[in-house]
């Protein structure tokens, strides 16, 4: 069983729009619940991404898709 993943991923927004980026995930075992936790770094920051908090899914490079719960966001710096 895989305990970590680091590589390409797509965040799927509630309207079906996809945002490509990199995911860094690892398994978690909290309170008897098994799951995954980690970060997603988008290739491009959009307004839709900044406003997305519910109904999200993450698709990994080997066609695995899972529901995402946003627990925090870091301030994103715009490149100028």
N, C-alpha and C. Protein backbone atom coordinates (compact mmCIF):
# COMPACT_ATOMS: atom_id res chain seq x y z
N UNK A 1 0.85 -1.19 0.00
CA UNK A 1 0.00 0.00 0.00
C UNK A 1 0.89 1.25 0.00
N UNK A 2 0.56 2.20 -0.84
CA UNK A 2 1.31 3.45 -0.93
C UNK A 2 1.04 4.30 0.30
N UNK A 3 2.11 4.85 0.88
CA UNK A 3 1.93 5.71 2.04
C UNK A 3 2.23 7.16 1.71
N UNK A 4 2.84 7.42 0.55
CA UNK A 4 3.09 8.80 0.11
C UNK A 4 2.89 8.91 -1.40
N UNK A 5 2.59 10.12 -1.83
CA UNK A 5 2.49 10.44 -3.26
C UNK A 5 3.02 11.85 -3.44
N UNK A 6 3.87 12.02 -4.41
CA UNK A 6 4.35 13.35 -4.77
C UNK A 6 4.47 13.40 -6.28
N UNK A 7 3.65 14.24 -6.91
CA UNK A 7 3.68 14.31 -8.36
C UNK A 7 2.52 15.11 -8.92
N UNK A 8 2.31 14.99 -10.23
CA UNK A 8 1.26 15.75 -10.89
C UNK A 8 -0.13 15.36 -10.41
N UNK A 9 -1.01 16.35 -10.39
CA UNK A 9 -2.40 16.13 -9.98
C UNK A 9 -3.27 17.22 -10.60
N UNK A 10 -4.57 16.97 -10.60
CA UNK A 10 -5.53 17.99 -11.05
C UNK A 10 -6.57 18.18 -9.97
N UNK A 11 -6.82 19.43 -9.62
CA UNK A 11 -7.89 19.77 -8.70
C UNK A 11 -9.13 20.02 -9.54
N UNK A 12 -10.20 19.30 -9.23
CA UNK A 12 -11.44 19.43 -9.99
C UNK A 12 -12.41 20.26 -9.15
N UNK A 13 -12.80 21.41 -9.69
CA UNK A 13 -13.72 22.32 -8.99
C UNK A 13 -15.15 21.83 -9.12
N UNK A 14 -16.03 22.36 -8.32
CA UNK A 14 -17.43 21.92 -8.28
C UNK A 14 -18.11 22.07 -9.65
N UNK A 15 -17.69 23.05 -10.47
CA UNK A 15 -18.28 23.25 -11.79
C UNK A 15 -17.62 22.38 -12.87
N UNK A 16 -16.67 21.53 -12.48
CA UNK A 16 -16.01 20.64 -13.41
C UNK A 16 -14.71 21.18 -13.98
N UNK A 17 -14.41 22.45 -13.73
CA UNK A 17 -13.15 23.03 -14.21
C UNK A 17 -11.98 22.33 -13.52
N UNK A 18 -10.88 22.15 -14.25
CA UNK A 18 -9.71 21.45 -13.72
C UNK A 18 -8.52 22.40 -13.63
N UNK A 19 -7.78 22.28 -12.54
CA UNK A 19 -6.58 23.09 -12.34
C UNK A 19 -5.42 22.13 -12.11
N UNK A 20 -4.44 22.18 -13.00
CA UNK A 20 -3.28 21.31 -12.90
C UNK A 20 -2.30 21.85 -11.87
N UNK A 21 -1.55 20.93 -11.27
CA UNK A 21 -0.55 21.32 -10.30
C UNK A 21 0.20 20.11 -9.78
N UNK A 22 0.83 20.29 -8.64
CA UNK A 22 1.59 19.22 -8.00
C UNK A 22 1.00 18.95 -6.61
N UNK A 23 0.88 17.67 -6.29
CA UNK A 23 0.38 17.27 -4.98
C UNK A 23 1.49 16.57 -4.21
N UNK A 24 1.48 16.78 -2.92
CA UNK A 24 2.38 16.07 -2.02
C UNK A 24 1.51 15.54 -0.89
N UNK A 25 1.29 14.23 -0.86
CA UNK A 25 0.33 13.62 0.04
C UNK A 25 0.96 12.49 0.85
N UNK A 26 0.40 12.23 2.01
CA UNK A 26 0.81 11.07 2.80
C UNK A 26 -0.41 10.55 3.56
N UNK A 27 -0.35 9.29 3.93
CA UNK A 27 -1.46 8.70 4.66
C UNK A 27 -1.52 9.27 6.07
N UNK A 28 -2.73 9.34 6.61
CA UNK A 28 -2.93 9.80 7.98
C UNK A 28 -3.81 8.79 8.71
N UNK A 29 -3.57 8.67 9.98
CA UNK A 29 -4.36 7.79 10.83
C UNK A 29 -4.69 8.57 12.10
N UNK A 30 -5.84 9.22 12.09
CA UNK A 30 -6.23 10.06 13.23
C UNK A 30 -7.56 9.57 13.79
N UNK A 31 -7.55 9.30 15.07
CA UNK A 31 -8.78 8.92 15.74
C UNK A 31 -9.45 7.70 15.15
N UNK A 32 -8.66 6.76 14.63
CA UNK A 32 -9.24 5.56 14.04
C UNK A 32 -9.67 5.74 12.60
N UNK A 33 -9.53 6.94 12.04
CA UNK A 33 -9.89 7.19 10.65
C UNK A 33 -8.64 7.17 9.78
N UNK A 34 -8.73 6.50 8.66
CA UNK A 34 -7.62 6.47 7.72
C UNK A 34 -7.94 7.40 6.56
N UNK A 35 -6.94 8.13 6.11
CA UNK A 35 -7.14 9.03 4.99
C UNK A 35 -5.82 9.55 4.47
N UNK A 36 -5.90 10.59 3.71
CA UNK A 36 -4.72 11.24 3.13
C UNK A 36 -4.72 12.69 3.53
N UNK A 37 -3.55 13.27 3.66
CA UNK A 37 -3.40 14.69 3.93
C UNK A 37 -2.20 15.21 3.16
N UNK A 38 -2.17 16.49 2.93
CA UNK A 38 -1.02 17.06 2.23
C UNK A 38 -1.33 18.39 1.60
N UNK A 39 -0.59 18.69 0.55
CA UNK A 39 -0.72 19.99 -0.12
C UNK A 39 -0.92 19.83 -1.62
N UNK A 40 -1.51 20.85 -2.20
CA UNK A 40 -1.65 20.95 -3.65
C UNK A 40 -1.13 22.32 -4.05
N UNK A 41 -0.22 22.35 -5.00
CA UNK A 41 0.33 23.61 -5.50
C UNK A 41 -0.05 23.78 -6.96
N UNK A 42 -0.94 24.73 -7.25
CA UNK A 42 -1.42 24.89 -8.62
C UNK A 42 -0.35 25.47 -9.55
N UNK A 43 -0.44 25.09 -10.83
CA UNK A 43 0.44 25.68 -11.83
C UNK A 43 0.10 27.15 -12.07
N UNK A 44 -1.20 27.45 -11.93
CA UNK A 44 -1.68 28.82 -12.15
C UNK A 44 -2.75 29.13 -11.11
N UNK A 45 -2.71 30.32 -10.55
CA UNK A 45 -3.69 30.75 -9.56
C UNK A 45 -4.78 31.55 -10.28
N UNK A 46 -6.04 31.13 -10.12
CA UNK A 46 -7.17 31.81 -10.74
C UNK A 46 -8.14 32.27 -9.65
N UNK A 47 -9.04 33.14 -10.02
CA UNK A 47 -10.07 33.61 -9.09
C UNK A 47 -10.94 32.44 -8.65
N UNK A 48 -11.27 31.55 -9.59
CA UNK A 48 -12.09 30.38 -9.24
C UNK A 48 -11.39 29.52 -8.19
N UNK A 49 -10.08 29.37 -8.32
CA UNK A 49 -9.32 28.58 -7.34
C UNK A 49 -9.32 29.27 -5.98
N UNK A 50 -9.13 30.57 -5.96
CA UNK A 50 -9.13 31.30 -4.68
C UNK A 50 -10.46 31.19 -3.96
N UNK A 51 -11.55 31.08 -4.72
CA UNK A 51 -12.89 31.02 -4.12
C UNK A 51 -13.36 29.60 -3.83
N UNK A 52 -12.61 28.60 -4.26
CA UNK A 52 -13.03 27.20 -4.11
C UNK A 52 -12.78 26.70 -2.70
N UNK A 53 -13.82 26.19 -2.06
CA UNK A 53 -13.66 25.61 -0.72
C UNK A 53 -14.48 24.34 -0.54
N UNK A 54 -15.51 24.12 -1.35
CA UNK A 54 -16.37 22.95 -1.19
C UNK A 54 -16.57 22.25 -2.52
N UNK A 55 -16.88 20.96 -2.46
CA UNK A 55 -17.18 20.19 -3.66
C UNK A 55 -15.96 19.90 -4.52
N UNK A 56 -14.77 19.88 -3.91
CA UNK A 56 -13.54 19.68 -4.67
C UNK A 56 -13.13 18.22 -4.71
N UNK A 57 -12.45 17.84 -5.79
CA UNK A 57 -11.88 16.51 -5.92
C UNK A 57 -10.45 16.65 -6.42
N UNK A 58 -9.62 15.68 -6.09
CA UNK A 58 -8.24 15.66 -6.55
C UNK A 58 -8.03 14.39 -7.36
N UNK A 59 -7.52 14.57 -8.59
CA UNK A 59 -7.23 13.44 -9.47
C UNK A 59 -5.72 13.28 -9.57
N UNK A 60 -5.23 12.09 -9.24
CA UNK A 60 -3.80 11.82 -9.32
C UNK A 60 -3.47 11.28 -10.70
N UNK A 61 -2.19 11.18 -11.01
CA UNK A 61 -1.75 10.83 -12.36
C UNK A 61 -2.15 9.42 -12.79
N UNK A 62 -2.51 8.56 -11.87
CA UNK A 62 -2.90 7.20 -12.25
C UNK A 62 -4.41 7.00 -12.14
N UNK A 63 -5.16 8.06 -12.44
CA UNK A 63 -6.62 8.04 -12.53
C UNK A 63 -7.34 7.72 -11.22
N UNK A 64 -6.72 8.03 -10.09
CA UNK A 64 -7.39 7.90 -8.79
C UNK A 64 -7.98 9.27 -8.46
N UNK A 65 -9.24 9.30 -8.06
CA UNK A 65 -9.93 10.54 -7.73
C UNK A 65 -10.48 10.42 -6.32
N UNK A 66 -10.32 11.50 -5.54
CA UNK A 66 -10.85 11.50 -4.19
C UNK A 66 -11.37 12.87 -3.81
N UNK A 67 -12.28 12.90 -2.87
CA UNK A 67 -12.85 14.15 -2.37
C UNK A 67 -11.81 14.88 -1.53
N UNK A 68 -11.81 16.20 -1.65
CA UNK A 68 -10.86 17.05 -0.94
C UNK A 68 -11.60 17.89 0.08
N UNK A 69 -11.07 17.96 1.29
CA UNK A 69 -11.57 18.87 2.31
C UNK A 69 -10.49 19.92 2.53
N UNK A 70 -10.82 21.16 2.27
CA UNK A 70 -9.85 22.25 2.45
C UNK A 70 -9.83 22.61 3.93
N UNK A 71 -8.65 22.49 4.53
CA UNK A 71 -8.51 22.82 5.95
C UNK A 71 -7.71 24.09 6.16
N UNK A 72 -7.14 24.61 5.11
CA UNK A 72 -6.39 25.86 5.20
C UNK A 72 -5.78 26.22 3.86
N UNK A 73 -5.52 27.51 3.72
CA UNK A 73 -4.88 27.99 2.50
C UNK A 73 -3.77 28.94 2.89
N UNK A 74 -2.68 28.81 2.21
CA UNK A 74 -1.59 29.75 2.41
C UNK A 74 -1.79 30.91 1.47
N UNK A 75 -1.29 32.06 1.86
CA UNK A 75 -1.37 33.23 1.00
C UNK A 75 -0.58 32.93 -0.27
N UNK A 76 -1.22 33.20 -1.40
CA UNK A 76 -0.60 32.95 -2.69
C UNK A 76 0.00 34.25 -3.20
N UNK A 77 1.23 34.21 -3.58
CA UNK A 77 1.91 35.39 -4.10
C UNK A 77 1.74 35.46 -5.60
N UNK A 78 1.35 36.61 -6.11
CA UNK A 78 1.24 36.81 -7.54
C UNK A 78 2.59 37.17 -8.10
N UNK A 79 2.91 36.61 -9.24
CA UNK A 79 4.15 36.97 -9.92
C UNK A 79 3.88 38.14 -10.84
N UNK A 80 4.74 39.13 -10.80
CA UNK A 80 4.57 40.27 -11.69
C UNK A 80 5.79 40.46 -12.54
